[in-house]
Amino acid sequence: MLQVLFWIAAVVIGYTFLGYPLLVGVLARFKERPVARGDVTPFVSLVIPAYNEASVIARKIDNSLRLDYPGDRLEIVVITDGSDDDTVEIVSSHAELGVVLFHRPERRGKAAAINRVVPLVSGEIVVFSDANTLIDRGAIRALVRSYADPRVGGVSGEKQVRGGGEGLYWRYESFLKRCDSALSSVMGAAGEFFSVRRELFQATEEDSVIEDFVLSMRLVQAGWRVVYESEAVAREEASPSLKGDWQRRTRIAAGGFQAIVRLRGLLTEASAIVVWQYCSHRVLRWAVTPFLLPAVYVFSALLADLAFYRWLLVAQTAFYVAAVAGYGLTRLRIWCGALHAVFYLCFANAAALVGFWRYITKTQPVTWAKAR
């Protein structure tokens, strides 16, 4: 029985990290569903939630004003709910340039702020972008051209993170997003640069931790395509410290478990291909493999009287030693790609376990402070 459990766990882990990327990559190449892109310029509202972003908000506004998109077709909206630094004053100083400010003293979280403001904006297309994310000059044009296809309800841009394990993770994630999109839809959009038809916007629950993911997947559940536009690039710096990255990943993990529960209807309402993609890309990676990795190690230890499993135990031990070495090099700011990749894989899965604990104990707040 232990051997059966070991192999079930090992196969699921292998499928999640290697098998699914290979399968979806092949299917995306030969079964691609094309998008009818066109040179369209719908009225766009660029919505920027900004809580205490005084250190970056001026640069973000300047970046937004320099975008290559018709000025009379672009509305820049900044939401500063709860901010008690100079963010409100900085945004207000750009009013003569057409920047629209929405502010309330009370901080209720990003989902509540977005729910409040989106019905008030003017754009046919609403583009969400974080305050610390810089958008390439032609990114809005690239993002909206997929809306020439009436089947498209949302478009996700490409998030690029410079440096660290976070950068490695996003290169891997971007590959999966391109493949998922080619086959059917993106399995969740990142709020750093994501757009939706305003008429299709559905308010998410105010306690949603990752409201961007829930919003985009509910569009998919309703039968709309949410596609990936690799030429619409948004850039962000990696978290400045392991502590900051840990804070971010545990929060996302807690939100992932919350989202899986709230999106359970997708498993019965979406097409078979979407259910397969969603379970493979999200459910297994977020909610299953973080528990299976330590389980495989324990099963190997319990079966160590058999030579084959003893060697597997040694190999896994070497893997985790490499992760510790990668951690040490990261602390010393020394880059070693292989060791760093091993460390970040373990780091992300450990964060998922902590995120699960925060979800079941309801200790993950909706509001949070970004690491600087």
Foldseek 3Di string as FASTA:
>chain_A
DLVVLLVVLVVLVCCLPPVVLVVLVVCLVVVFDDFQFDQDQFQEEEEEEDEQPVVQQLVQVVLVLLAPHPPVRYAYEYEHEQHDDCPVVSQVVCVVVRYHYDYDNHDLFDLVRCVVPLVPDDTQKYKFAYRQKHWPRHQVSLQCRSVVGVLAFKEAEQEAEDDFLVRVVSVVLVSLQQSVQRNFAGQFHQRNIMMGRSVLFDRDPSQQQRVRNLRVVVCQLVRGHYHYRHVGYMYHYDAPDLVLVLLVLLSVLLNLVVSCVVCVVSCVRHDPVVNVSNCSNRVCLRPNSLVSLVVSLVSLVVVCVDPVSVVVNVVVVVLVVLLVVLVVCVVVVHDDPVSSNSVVSNSSSVSNVSSNVCNVVVPNGSDDDHHD
